[in-house]
Amino acid sequence: MFVEFSAIALLSLDNTFTIRSSYNVSLVVTGVTNRTIIVLYYDSEPSGGYFRQLTYNLHINLLTQPLPTGTYSIEIYWKSTWDATGSANSLSVAHAPTYNYTRTLFVQELKPI
């Protein structure tokens, strides 16, 4: 099975943000395999006193080993990995309706020839 996920993520950092913000974004075929990427923003300067929003193009794909016939769950998770200073820091995937960012999940069954 080939699985591909893509989306635009919006990283929001409040006006007291300092140092680092990071998130793991995982594409998971439950009970089979997973792939994780990191979204990271680092700034060694003191807080700038202003709110920031940055966009990230997320793209993850994975290829499983041959699987027996059946039904499989495919999931996307994103989780903060750093407790960044500031109370309004976030990573939003497919942030709608304000920005109307889309996301795509493509799954293809592959058969040996």
Protein backbone atom coordinates (compact mmCIF):
# COMPACT_ATOMS: atom_id res chain seq x y z
CA MET A 1 0.00 0.00 0.00
CA PHE A 2 1.22 3.50 -0.83
CA VAL A 3 -0.07 6.36 1.35
CA GLU A 4 0.54 10.07 0.87
CA PHE A 5 -0.60 13.04 2.97
CA SER A 6 -0.16 16.70 2.11
CA ALA A 7 -1.45 19.87 3.73
CA ILE A 8 -0.61 23.45 4.50
CA ALA A 9 -0.06 24.02 8.21
CA LEU A 10 -0.31 27.36 9.96
CA LEU A 11 2.12 27.84 12.87
CA SER A 12 0.91 30.63 15.17
CA LEU A 13 3.24 32.11 17.80
CA ASP A 14 1.93 34.60 20.33
CA ASN A 15 3.63 37.84 21.29
CA THR A 16 5.49 36.30 24.26
CA PHE A 17 6.97 33.41 22.25
CA THR A 18 10.67 32.71 22.82
CA ILE A 19 13.21 30.12 21.65
CA ARG A 20 11.48 27.15 20.03
CA SER A 21 8.22 25.61 18.87
CA SER A 22 8.15 22.07 17.50
CA TYR A 23 5.57 19.50 16.52
CA ASN A 24 5.71 15.91 15.32
CA VAL A 25 3.33 15.18 12.43
CA SER A 26 2.74 11.46 11.89
CA LEU A 27 1.12 9.46 9.10
CA VAL A 28 0.05 6.10 10.57
CA VAL A 29 -1.27 2.90 9.07
CA THR A 30 -2.54 1.52 12.38
CA GLY A 31 -0.83 -1.67 13.45
CA VAL A 32 1.39 -1.69 10.34
CA THR A 33 3.80 1.26 10.07
CA ASN A 34 4.17 5.02 10.45
CA ARG A 35 6.29 7.95 9.33
CA THR A 36 6.87 11.13 11.31
CA ILE A 37 8.18 14.54 10.26
CA ILE A 38 8.92 17.57 12.43
CA VAL A 39 7.68 21.13 12.11
CA LEU A 40 10.20 23.33 13.91
CA TYR A 41 10.66 27.05 14.42
CA TYR A 42 13.66 28.33 16.38
CA ASP A 43 14.54 31.89 17.30
CA SER A 44 17.34 32.55 19.80
CA GLU A 45 16.38 36.22 20.22
CA PRO A 46 14.22 37.43 23.12
CA SER A 47 10.50 37.80 22.49
CA GLY A 48 9.85 40.32 19.76
CA GLY A 49 6.54 41.35 21.33
CA TYR A 50 4.53 40.62 18.21
CA PHE A 51 2.27 37.80 17.01
CA ARG A 52 3.65 35.65 14.17
CA GLN A 53 2.03 33.23 11.71
CA LEU A 54 4.11 31.02 9.44
CA THR A 55 2.97 28.50 6.84
CA TYR A 56 4.53 25.08 6.30
CA ASN A 57 3.92 22.74 3.39
CA LEU A 58 3.58 19.28 4.89
CA HIS A 59 4.20 16.23 2.73
CA ILE A 60 4.56 12.68 4.05
CA ASN A 61 4.47 9.41 2.15
CA LEU A 62 5.05 5.82 3.07
CA LEU A 63 5.08 2.41 1.46
CA THR A 64 4.04 -0.65 3.46
CA GLN A 65 5.15 -4.21 3.03
CA PRO A 66 2.63 -6.44 1.18
CA LEU A 67 -0.48 -6.66 3.37
CA PRO A 68 -3.12 -9.35 3.70
CA THR A 69 -6.59 -8.56 2.40
CA GLY A 70 -8.54 -6.53 4.91
CA THR A 71 -9.48 -3.12 6.21
CA TYR A 72 -6.83 -0.74 7.54
CA SER A 73 -7.08 2.52 9.47
CA ILE A 74 -4.99 5.44 8.25
CA GLU A 75 -4.58 8.39 10.58
CA ILE A 76 -2.75 11.69 10.86
CA TYR A 77 -1.57 13.03 14.22
CA TRP A 78 0.24 16.20 15.19
CA LYS A 79 1.57 16.70 18.69
CA SER A 80 3.60 19.44 20.34
CA THR A 81 7.06 18.24 21.42
CA TRP A 82 8.15 21.42 23.19
CA ASP A 83 6.37 23.51 25.80
CA ALA A 84 7.11 26.88 24.17
CA THR A 85 6.74 30.12 26.10
CA GLY A 86 3.41 31.73 25.30
CA SER A 87 -0.18 30.67 25.77
CA ALA A 88 -1.48 31.04 22.20
CA ASN A 89 1.06 28.98 20.25
CA SER A 90 -0.45 26.40 17.92
CA LEU A 91 -0.10 24.36 14.74
CA SER A 92 -3.27 24.23 12.69
CA VAL A 93 -3.62 21.86 9.74
CA ALA A 94 -6.28 22.69 7.12
CA HIS A 95 -7.09 25.91 8.96
CA ALA A 96 -10.56 26.64 7.61
CA PRO A 97 -12.69 28.58 6.90
CA THR A 98 -10.52 31.68 7.43
CA TYR A 99 -7.67 30.53 5.18
CA ASN A 100 -9.38 27.61 3.40
CA TYR A 101 -6.23 25.48 3.34
CA THR A 102 -6.85 22.04 1.89
CA ARG A 103 -5.41 18.69 2.81
CA THR A 104 -5.08 15.52 0.75
CA LEU A 105 -4.83 11.87 1.72
CA PHE A 106 -4.05 9.53 -1.17
CA VAL A 107 -4.08 5.74 -0.72
CA GLN A 108 -3.24 3.26 -3.44
CA GLU A 109 -3.28 -0.50 -3.33
CA LEU A 110 -0.24 -1.98 -5.04
CA LYS A 111 -0.33 -5.48 -6.48
CA PRO A 112 2.74 -7.46 -7.52
CA ILE A 113 2.95 -8.35 -11.19
